[in-house]
Amino acid sequence: MVKLIVTDLDGTLLDEEKLVREEDRKTLMEAVRDGSQLCLASGRMQAELEQVMDVIGIPAHGVSQNGAFVRTREGEPLVKHVFTPDLAVALFEETQGEDLFMLVCLEHQLLSHRRVGMAELVESRLFSSVRLMPELGSALLRQEVMPCKFSYFGEMERIEKLKSRLERRFGEEVDLFISDRDCLDVMPRGISKGRGLQVLVERLGISREQVLTIGDAFNDVSMFESFPHLSFAMAHAPAGVRLKAGKTADSVSDAVKRAMTRV
């Protein structure tokens, strides 16, 4: 039996309009009524995960900010990871001049020192507002801001160049993920959705073979690798993501139904 259904949000449970498909909602409701639990695993903040929970009407566990934070459906905190102050300052100073929209992510807040490039488009996709903080660099120096993630938005060619540069300088200290078609996420080394999910599964006392994971981006690969038995990549996912999953699916509903019947 599938005891835990873990689904990514953007591009997986949420469509391009940030809406949950009715078929997916109904299938998840049925699975929960039959004894499964639900976990939302996303690069979004916990507050945004909770908004999705309200929409689908299911209390869910949360793996937020790509695994930097993990909470049970009852709200119990299990994981909290942030950058060391020196590394946060170094990343900010290295990238603040980029003509990319940068988000400095905290557990409950999104910050940016300036709105450039795709700022308006990115903000339209969020469920929470971005706080403009021109003095962000100084706040990082004074350790008034303790980020868990840096996100950069722009054209993929520029995103990939930045990724290569940051890998060369910070490769032993950070992990970098292309988490969307226009987004690079930079996390403290070793922090991922898969690792956060491992903590949750241990807390729930269920086996890895009873966990279903569904996603569509490179920040979901760690879930597939940690829980390969029932891992589904969305059919539209990049080839590199699909290769890491056991199967592909057209929707969350499709993945859940097939996992329940082992098809």
C-alpha atoms as a PDB file:
ATOM      1  CA  MET A   1       0.000   0.000   0.000  1.00  0.00           C
ATOM      2  CA  VAL A   2       1.122   3.553  -0.736  1.00  0.00           C
ATOM      3  CA  LYS A   3       1.235   5.218   2.663  1.00  0.00           C
ATOM      4  CA  LEU A   4       2.756   8.563   1.613  1.00  0.00           C
ATOM      5  CA  ILE A   5       2.108  10.459  -1.622  1.00  0.00           C
ATOM      6  CA  VAL A   6       4.730  13.154  -2.208  1.00  0.00           C
ATOM      7  CA  THR A   7       4.089  15.637  -4.980  1.00  0.00           C
ATOM      8  CA  ASP A   8       5.955  18.635  -6.271  1.00  0.00           C
ATOM      9  CA  LEU A   9       3.841  21.735  -6.942  1.00  0.00           C
ATOM     10  CA  ASP A  10       4.812  23.870  -9.951  1.00  0.00           C
ATOM     11  CA  GLY A  11       4.532  21.892 -13.163  1.00  0.00           C
ATOM     12  CA  THR A  12       3.237  18.868 -11.270  1.00  0.00           C
ATOM     13  CA  LEU A  13       0.243  19.465  -8.993  1.00  0.00           C
ATOM     14  CA  LEU A  14      -0.103  23.083 -10.150  1.00  0.00           C
ATOM     15  CA  ASP A  15      -0.678  23.940 -13.793  1.00  0.00           C
ATOM     16  CA  GLU A  16       0.675  27.047 -15.540  1.00  0.00           C
ATOM     17  CA  GLU A  17      -2.159  29.099 -14.036  1.00  0.00           C
ATOM     18  CA  LYS A  18      -1.152  27.953 -10.519  1.00  0.00           C
ATOM     19  CA  LEU A  19      -4.347  25.910 -10.278  1.00  0.00           C
ATOM     20  CA  VAL A  20      -4.919  22.335  -9.097  1.00  0.00           C
ATOM     21  CA  ARG A  21      -6.680  20.153 -11.639  1.00  0.00           C
ATOM     22  CA  GLU A  22      -9.983  18.824 -10.336  1.00  0.00           C
ATOM     23  CA  GLU A  23      -9.114  15.258 -11.333  1.00  0.00           C
ATOM     24  CA  ASP A  24      -5.895  15.441  -9.307  1.00  0.00           C
ATOM     25  CA  ARG A  25      -7.727  16.853  -6.288  1.00  0.00           C
ATOM     26  CA  LYS A  26     -10.351  14.114  -6.378  1.00  0.00           C
ATOM     27  CA  THR A  27      -7.780  11.345  -6.741  1.00  0.00           C
ATOM     28  CA  LEU A  28      -5.761  12.674  -3.807  1.00  0.00           C
ATOM     29  CA  MET A  29      -8.908  12.949  -1.678  1.00  0.00           C
ATOM     30  CA  GLU A  30      -9.784   9.332  -2.459  1.00  0.00           C
ATOM     31  CA  ALA A  31      -6.262   8.149  -1.645  1.00  0.00           C
ATOM     32  CA  VAL A  32      -6.282   9.957   1.698  1.00  0.00           C
ATOM     33  CA  ARG A  33      -9.691   8.523   2.545  1.00  0.00           C
ATOM     34  CA  ASP A  34      -8.239   5.075   1.810  1.00  0.00           C
ATOM     35  CA  GLY A  35      -5.402   5.605   4.293  1.00  0.00           C
ATOM     36  CA  SER A  36      -2.587   7.372   2.447  1.00  0.00           C
ATOM     37  CA  GLN A  37      -0.992  10.571   3.719  1.00  0.00           C
ATOM     38  CA  LEU A  38      -0.022  13.537   1.535  1.00  0.00           C
ATOM     39  CA  CYS A  39       3.181  15.566   1.452  1.00  0.00           C
ATOM     40  CA  LEU A  40       3.797  18.663  -0.656  1.00  0.00           C
ATOM     41  CA  ALA A  41       7.468  19.092  -1.605  1.00  0.00           C
ATOM     42  CA  SER A  42       8.389  22.359  -3.261  1.00  0.00           C
ATOM     43  CA  GLY A  43      10.836  25.181  -3.672  1.00  0.00           C
ATOM     44  CA  ARG A  44       8.076  27.414  -2.352  1.00  0.00           C
ATOM     45  CA  MET A  45       7.680  28.571   1.252  1.00  0.00           C
ATOM     46  CA  GLN A  46       5.659  26.652   3.826  1.00  0.00           C
ATOM     47  CA  ALA A  47       2.994  29.375   3.802  1.00  0.00           C
ATOM     48  CA  GLU A  48       2.501  28.810   0.081  1.00  0.00           C
ATOM     49  CA  LEU A  49       2.252  25.064   0.626  1.00  0.00           C
ATOM     50  CA  GLU A  50      -0.462  25.700   3.185  1.00  0.00           C
ATOM     51  CA  GLN A  51      -2.438  27.757   0.670  1.00  0.00           C
ATOM     52  CA  VAL A  52      -2.410  24.773  -1.695  1.00  0.00           C
ATOM     53  CA  MET A  53      -3.521  22.512   1.168  1.00  0.00           C
ATOM     54  CA  ASP A  54      -6.495  24.814   1.724  1.00  0.00           C
ATOM     55  CA  VAL A  55      -7.398  24.631  -1.978  1.00  0.00           C
ATOM     56  CA  ILE A  56      -7.342  20.833  -2.139  1.00  0.00           C
ATOM     57  CA  GLY A  57      -8.868  20.451   1.320  1.00  0.00           C
ATOM     58  CA  ILE A  58      -6.224  18.030   2.623  1.00  0.00           C
ATOM     59  CA  PRO A  59      -3.879  18.626   5.571  1.00  0.00           C
ATOM     60  CA  ALA A  60      -0.416  17.672   4.318  1.00  0.00           C
ATOM     61  CA  HIS A  61       3.140  17.358   5.481  1.00  0.00           C
ATOM     62  CA  GLY A  62       5.433  19.984   3.977  1.00  0.00           C
ATOM     63  CA  VAL A  63       8.938  19.905   2.539  1.00  0.00           C
ATOM     64  CA  SER A  64       9.518  23.545   1.666  1.00  0.00           C
ATOM     65  CA  GLN A  65      12.327  25.609   0.155  1.00  0.00           C
ATOM     66  CA  ASN A  66      13.744  22.508  -1.569  1.00  0.00           C
ATOM     67  CA  GLY A  67      14.158  20.649   1.709  1.00  0.00           C
ATOM     68  CA  ALA A  68      15.539  23.454   3.879  1.00  0.00           C
ATOM     69  CA  PHE A  69      12.453  23.109   6.087  1.00  0.00           C
ATOM     70  CA  VAL A  70      10.236  20.137   6.890  1.00  0.00           C
ATOM     71  CA  ARG A  71       7.022  20.180   8.908  1.00  0.00           C
ATOM     72  CA  THR A  72       4.497  17.485   9.702  1.00  0.00           C
ATOM     73  CA  ARG A  73       0.845  18.050   8.839  1.00  0.00           C
ATOM     74  CA  GLU A  74       0.333  18.925  12.512  1.00  0.00           C
ATOM     75  CA  GLY A  75       2.908  21.707  12.187  1.00  0.00           C
ATOM     76  CA  GLU A  76       5.770  19.998  14.021  1.00  0.00           C
ATOM     77  CA  PRO A  77       9.124  21.295  12.681  1.00  0.00           C
ATOM     78  CA  LEU A  78      11.550  18.502  11.763  1.00  0.00           C
ATOM     79  CA  VAL A  79      14.226  20.223   9.669  1.00  0.00           C
ATOM     80  CA  LYS A  80      15.706  23.723   9.481  1.00  0.00           C
ATOM     81  CA  HIS A  81      18.781  24.577   7.392  1.00  0.00           C
ATOM     82  CA  VAL A  82      20.235  27.990   6.446  1.00  0.00           C
ATOM     83  CA  PHE A  83      23.472  29.210   4.895  1.00  0.00           C
ATOM     84  CA  THR A  84      26.396  30.088   7.104  1.00  0.00           C
ATOM     85  CA  PRO A  85      26.648  33.901   7.323  1.00  0.00           C
ATOM     86  CA  ASP A  86      29.957  34.060   5.433  1.00  0.00           C
ATOM     87  CA  LEU A  87      28.683  31.914   2.572  1.00  0.00           C
ATOM     88  CA  ALA A  88      25.453  33.907   2.297  1.00  0.00           C
ATOM     89  CA  VAL A  89      27.420  37.157   2.026  1.00  0.00           C
ATOM     90  CA  ALA A  90      29.827  35.676  -0.520  1.00  0.00           C
ATOM     91  CA  LEU A  91      26.981  34.433  -2.733  1.00  0.00           C
ATOM     92  CA  PHE A  92      25.206  37.762  -2.581  1.00  0.00           C
ATOM     93  CA  GLU A  93      28.343  39.740  -3.414  1.00  0.00           C
ATOM     94  CA  GLU A  94      29.224  37.378  -6.255  1.00  0.00           C
ATOM     95  CA  THR A  95      25.817  37.711  -7.925  1.00  0.00           C
ATOM     96  CA  GLN A  96      24.276  41.057  -6.952  1.00  0.00           C
ATOM     97  CA  GLY A  97      25.422  42.683 -10.185  1.00  0.00           C
ATOM     98  CA  GLU A  98      23.795  40.035 -12.405  1.00  0.00           C
ATOM     99  CA  ASP A  99      21.001  41.281 -14.650  1.00  0.00           C
ATOM    100  CA  LEU A 100      18.825  38.495 -13.242  1.00  0.00           C
ATOM    101  CA  PHE A 101      16.024  38.768 -10.723  1.00  0.00           C
ATOM    102  CA  MET A 102      17.402  37.424  -7.453  1.00  0.00           C
ATOM    103  CA  LEU A 103      15.332  36.198  -4.524  1.00  0.00           C
ATOM    104  CA  VAL A 104      16.910  35.695  -1.122  1.00  0.00           C
ATOM    105  CA  CYS A 105      14.678  33.150   0.564  1.00  0.00           C
ATOM    106  CA  LEU A 106      13.931  32.790   4.262  1.00  0.00           C
ATOM    107  CA  GLU A 107      11.601  30.347   5.976  1.00  0.00           C
ATOM    108  CA  HIS A 108       8.640  32.731   5.869  1.00  0.00           C
ATOM    109  CA  GLN A 109       9.760  35.574   3.627  1.00  0.00           C
ATOM    110  CA  LEU A 110      11.129  36.373   0.164  1.00  0.00           C
ATOM    111  CA  LEU A 111      13.523  39.306  -0.210  1.00  0.00           C
ATOM    112  CA  SER A 112      15.125  41.099  -3.142  1.00  0.00           C
ATOM    113  CA  HIS A 113      17.469  44.080  -3.259  1.00  0.00           C
ATOM    114  CA  ARG A 114      16.156  45.298  -6.629  1.00  0.00           C
ATOM    115  CA  ARG A 115      13.517  44.514  -9.211  1.00  0.00           C
ATOM    116  CA  VAL A 116      15.115  43.813 -12.575  1.00  0.00           C
ATOM    117  CA  GLY A 117      14.528  41.547 -15.544  1.00  0.00           C
ATOM    118  CA  MET A 118      11.750  39.061 -14.883  1.00  0.00           C
ATOM    119  CA  ALA A 119      10.743  40.507 -11.516  1.00  0.00           C
ATOM    120  CA  GLU A 120       7.152  41.297 -12.454  1.00  0.00           C
ATOM    121  CA  LEU A 121       6.574  37.936 -14.133  1.00  0.00           C
ATOM    122  CA  VAL A 122       8.105  35.991 -11.240  1.00  0.00           C
ATOM    123  CA  GLU A 123       6.078  37.875  -8.642  1.00  0.00           C
ATOM    124  CA  SER A 124       2.900  37.086 -10.559  1.00  0.00           C
ATOM    125  CA  ARG A 125       3.644  33.369 -10.103  1.00  0.00           C
ATOM    126  CA  LEU A 126       4.117  33.563  -6.348  1.00  0.00           C
ATOM    127  CA  PHE A 127       1.479  33.182  -3.646  1.00  0.00           C
ATOM    128  CA  SER A 128       3.348  35.614  -1.386  1.00  0.00           C
ATOM    129  CA  SER A 129       4.707  39.096  -1.996  1.00  0.00           C
ATOM    130  CA  VAL A 130       8.412  39.892  -2.295  1.00  0.00           C
ATOM    131  CA  ARG A 131       9.820  42.425   0.128  1.00  0.00           C
ATOM    132  CA  LEU A 132      12.079  44.949  -1.621  1.00  0.00           C
ATOM    133  CA  MET A 133      15.114  45.547   0.590  1.00  0.00           C
ATOM    134  CA  PRO A 134      17.786  47.789  -1.019  1.00  0.00           C
ATOM    135  CA  GLU A 135      20.005  47.362   2.070  1.00  0.00           C
ATOM    136  CA  LEU A 136      19.911  43.557   1.792  1.00  0.00           C
ATOM    137  CA  GLY A 137      23.682  43.238   1.487  1.00  0.00           C
ATOM    138  CA  SER A 138      24.201  45.105   4.748  1.00  0.00           C
ATOM    139  CA  ALA A 139      21.513  43.041   6.467  1.00  0.00           C
ATOM    140  CA  LEU A 140      23.337  39.866   5.439  1.00  0.00           C
ATOM    141  CA  LEU A 141      26.612  41.242   6.790  1.00  0.00           C
ATOM    142  CA  ARG A 142      24.953  42.053  10.119  1.00  0.00           C
ATOM    143  CA  GLN A 143      23.361  38.575  10.155  1.00  0.00           C
ATOM    144  CA  GLU A 144      19.901  40.111  10.381  1.00  0.00           C
ATOM    145  CA  VAL A 145      18.907  37.950   7.418  1.00  0.00           C
ATOM    146  CA  MET A 146      19.648  34.199   7.456  1.00  0.00           C
ATOM    147  CA  PRO A 147      18.679  32.779   4.049  1.00  0.00           C
ATOM    148  CA  CYS A 148      18.104  29.142   3.196  1.00  0.00           C
ATOM    149  CA  LYS A 149      18.139  29.578  -0.581  1.00  0.00           C
ATOM    150  CA  PHE A 150      19.099  31.980  -3.362  1.00  0.00           C
ATOM    151  CA  SER A 151      16.976  31.878  -6.536  1.00  0.00           C
ATOM    152  CA  TYR A 152      17.878  33.524  -9.837  1.00  0.00           C
ATOM    153  CA  PHE A 153      15.408  34.058 -12.691  1.00  0.00           C
ATOM    154  CA  GLY A 154      16.150  34.823 -16.319  1.00  0.00           C
ATOM    155  CA  GLU A 155      16.831  33.362 -19.743  1.00  0.00           C
ATOM    156  CA  MET A 156      18.113  29.796 -19.571  1.00  0.00           C
ATOM    157  CA  GLU A 157      21.364  30.587 -21.380  1.00  0.00           C
ATOM    158  CA  ARG A 158      22.273  33.159 -18.738  1.00  0.00           C
ATOM    159  CA  ILE A 159      21.064  30.895 -15.947  1.00  0.00           C
ATOM    160  CA  GLU A 160      23.336  28.088 -17.145  1.00  0.00           C
ATOM    161  CA  LYS A 161      26.341  30.433 -17.364  1.00  0.00           C
ATOM    162  CA  LEU A 162      25.730  31.592 -13.812  1.00  0.00           C
ATOM    163  CA  LYS A 163      25.364  27.980 -12.667  1.00  0.00           C
ATOM    164  CA  SER A 164      28.743  27.089 -14.166  1.00  0.00           C
ATOM    165  CA  ARG A 165      30.416  30.095 -12.555  1.00  0.00           C
ATOM    166  CA  LEU A 166      28.974  29.372  -9.120  1.00  0.00           C
ATOM    167  CA  GLU A 167      29.936  25.701  -9.413  1.00  0.00           C
ATOM    168  CA  ARG A 168      33.530  26.701 -10.074  1.00  0.00           C
ATOM    169  CA  ARG A 169      33.711  29.029  -7.079  1.00  0.00           C
ATOM    170  CA  PHE A 170      31.332  27.447  -4.554  1.00  0.00           C
ATOM    171  CA  GLY A 171      30.976  23.874  -5.791  1.00  0.00           C
ATOM    172  CA  GLU A 172      32.110  22.281  -2.532  1.00  0.00           C
ATOM    173  CA  GLU A 173      29.778  24.451  -0.435  1.00  0.00           C
ATOM    174  CA  VAL A 174      26.515  24.559  -2.371  1.00  0.00           C
ATOM    175  CA  ASP A 175      24.167  22.483  -4.492  1.00  0.00           C
ATOM    176  CA  LEU A 176      22.651  24.065  -7.591  1.00  0.00           C
ATOM    177  CA  PHE A 177      19.386  23.029  -9.280  1.00  0.00           C
ATOM    178  CA  ILE A 178      17.609  24.155 -12.435  1.00  0.00           C
ATOM    179  CA  SER A 179      14.215  24.083 -10.744  1.00  0.00           C
ATOM    180  CA  ASP A 180      12.133  25.615 -13.540  1.00  0.00           C
ATOM    181  CA  ARG A 181      12.437  26.713 -17.136  1.00  0.00           C
ATOM    182  CA  ASP A 182      13.847  30.054 -16.010  1.00  0.00           C
ATOM    183  CA  CYS A 183      15.111  29.470 -12.466  1.00  0.00           C
ATOM    184  CA  LEU A 184      18.349  28.469 -10.749  1.00  0.00           C
ATOM    185  CA  ASP A 185      18.168  27.547  -7.055  1.00  0.00           C
ATOM    186  CA  VAL A 186      21.291  27.606  -4.893  1.00  0.00           C
ATOM    187  CA  MET A 187      21.157  25.664  -1.626  1.00  0.00           C
ATOM    188  CA  PRO A 188      23.581  24.804   1.194  1.00  0.00           C
ATOM    189  CA  ARG A 189      25.499  21.642   0.284  1.00  0.00           C
ATOM    190  CA  GLY A 190      23.598  18.427   0.973  1.00  0.00           C
ATOM    191  CA  ILE A 191      20.184  20.035   1.423  1.00  0.00           C
ATOM    192  CA  SER A 192      17.514  18.701  -0.916  1.00  0.00           C
ATOM    193  CA  LYS A 193      13.924  17.555  -1.135  1.00  0.00           C
ATOM    194  CA  GLY A 194      15.076  13.948  -0.953  1.00  0.00           C
ATOM    195  CA  ARG A 195      17.069  14.461   2.210  1.00  0.00           C
ATOM    196  CA  GLY A 196      14.254  16.370   3.897  1.00  0.00           C
ATOM    197  CA  LEU A 197      11.799  13.688   2.875  1.00  0.00           C
ATOM    198  CA  GLN A 198      14.000  11.017   4.435  1.00  0.00           C
ATOM    199  CA  VAL A 199      13.645  12.770   7.810  1.00  0.00           C
ATOM    200  CA  LEU A 200       9.863  12.928   7.447  1.00  0.00           C
ATOM    201  CA  VAL A 201       9.544   9.268   6.426  1.00  0.00           C
ATOM    202  CA  GLU A 202      11.644   8.187   9.391  1.00  0.00           C
ATOM    203  CA  ARG A 203       9.462  10.295  11.685  1.00  0.00           C
ATOM    204  CA  LEU A 204       6.304   8.682  10.254  1.00  0.00           C
ATOM    205  CA  GLY A 205       7.738   5.191  10.627  1.00  0.00           C
ATOM    206  CA  ILE A 206       6.947   3.980   7.123  1.00  0.00           C
ATOM    207  CA  SER A 207       9.136   2.081   4.665  1.00  0.00           C
ATOM    208  CA  ARG A 208      10.684   3.601   1.550  1.00  0.00           C
ATOM    209  CA  GLU A 209       8.732   1.155  -0.617  1.00  0.00           C
ATOM    210  CA  GLN A 210       5.487   2.752   0.616  1.00  0.00           C
ATOM    211  CA  VAL A 211       6.432   6.239  -0.615  1.00  0.00           C
ATOM    212  CA  LEU A 212       5.249   7.597  -3.969  1.00  0.00           C
ATOM    213  CA  THR A 213       7.168  10.588  -5.353  1.00  0.00           C
ATOM    214  CA  ILE A 214       6.038  12.768  -8.270  1.00  0.00           C
ATOM    215  CA  GLY A 215       7.903  15.694  -9.838  1.00  0.00           C
ATOM    216  CA  ASP A 216       9.013  17.390 -13.013  1.00  0.00           C
ATOM    217  CA  ALA A 217      12.287  19.257 -12.400  1.00  0.00           C
ATOM    218  CA  PHE A 218      15.889  18.666 -11.399  1.00  0.00           C
ATOM    219  CA  ASN A 219      15.205  19.621  -7.784  1.00  0.00           C
ATOM    220  CA  ASP A 220      12.906  16.563  -7.681  1.00  0.00           C
ATOM    221  CA  VAL A 221      15.624  14.120  -8.705  1.00  0.00           C
ATOM    222  CA  SER A 222      16.827  13.716  -5.106  1.00  0.00           C
ATOM    223  CA  MET A 223      13.349  12.383  -4.215  1.00  0.00           C
ATOM    224  CA  PHE A 224      13.483   9.851  -7.041  1.00  0.00           C
ATOM    225  CA  GLU A 225      16.949   8.716  -5.954  1.00  0.00           C
ATOM    226  CA  SER A 226      15.993   8.467  -2.273  1.00  0.00           C
ATOM    227  CA  PHE A 227      12.683   6.695  -2.976  1.00  0.00           C
ATOM    228  CA  PRO A 228      13.085   4.910  -6.334  1.00  0.00           C
ATOM    229  CA  HIS A 229      10.470   2.185  -5.804  1.00  0.00           C
ATOM    230  CA  LEU A 230       7.490   4.369  -6.805  1.00  0.00           C
ATOM    231  CA  SER A 231       8.995   7.404  -8.531  1.00  0.00           C
ATOM    232  CA  PHE A 232       7.175   9.213 -11.333  1.00  0.00           C
ATOM    233  CA  ALA A 233       8.407  12.077 -13.494  1.00  0.00           C
ATOM    234  CA  MET A 234       5.856  14.113 -15.379  1.00  0.00           C
ATOM    235  CA  ALA A 235       5.792  13.331 -19.087  1.00  0.00           C
ATOM    236  CA  HIS A 236       6.747  16.918 -19.932  1.00  0.00           C
ATOM    237  CA  ALA A 237       9.817  16.871 -17.638  1.00  0.00           C
ATOM    238  CA  PRO A 238      13.298  17.308 -19.143  1.00  0.00           C
ATOM    239  CA  ALA A 239      14.869  14.082 -20.361  1.00  0.00           C
ATOM    240  CA  GLY A 240      17.474  14.195 -17.599  1.00  0.00           C
ATOM    241  CA  VAL A 241      14.718  14.245 -14.990  1.00  0.00           C
ATOM    242  CA  ARG A 242      12.699  11.468 -16.620  1.00  0.00           C
ATOM    243  CA  LEU A 243      15.773   9.238 -16.691  1.00  0.00           C
ATOM    244  CA  LYS A 244      16.063   9.448 -12.907  1.00  0.00           C
ATOM    245  CA  ALA A 245      12.469   8.350 -12.242  1.00  0.00           C
ATOM    246  CA  GLY A 246      11.128   4.825 -12.432  1.00  0.00           C
ATOM    247  CA  LYS A 247       8.167   5.807 -14.610  1.00  0.00           C
ATOM    248  CA  THR A 248       6.545   8.798 -16.296  1.00  0.00           C
ATOM    249  CA  ALA A 249       2.985  10.023 -15.827  1.00  0.00           C
ATOM    250  CA  ASP A 250       0.684  12.504 -17.526  1.00  0.00           C
ATOM    251  CA  SER A 251      -0.675  13.886 -14.245  1.00  0.00           C
ATOM    252  CA  VAL A 252      -0.635  13.453 -10.485  1.00  0.00           C
ATOM    253  CA  SER A 253      -3.863  11.495 -10.767  1.00  0.00           C
ATOM    254  CA  ASP A 254      -2.311   9.190 -13.349  1.00  0.00           C
ATOM    255  CA  ALA A 255       0.728   8.529 -11.141  1.00  0.00           C
ATOM    256  CA  VAL A 256      -1.355   7.878  -8.009  1.00  0.00           C
ATOM    257  CA  LYS A 257      -3.759   5.489  -9.732  1.00  0.00           C
ATOM    258  CA  ARG A 258      -0.959   3.523 -11.360  1.00  0.00           C
ATOM    259  CA  ALA A 259       1.050   3.334  -8.137  1.00  0.00           C
ATOM    260  CA  MET A 260      -1.992   2.079  -6.248  1.00  0.00           C
ATOM    261  CA  THR A 261      -2.464  -0.704  -8.771  1.00  0.00           C
ATOM    262  CA  ARG A 262       1.290  -1.143  -9.453  1.00  0.00           C
ATOM    263  CA  VAL A 263       0.869  -0.503 -13.204  1.00  0.00           C
END
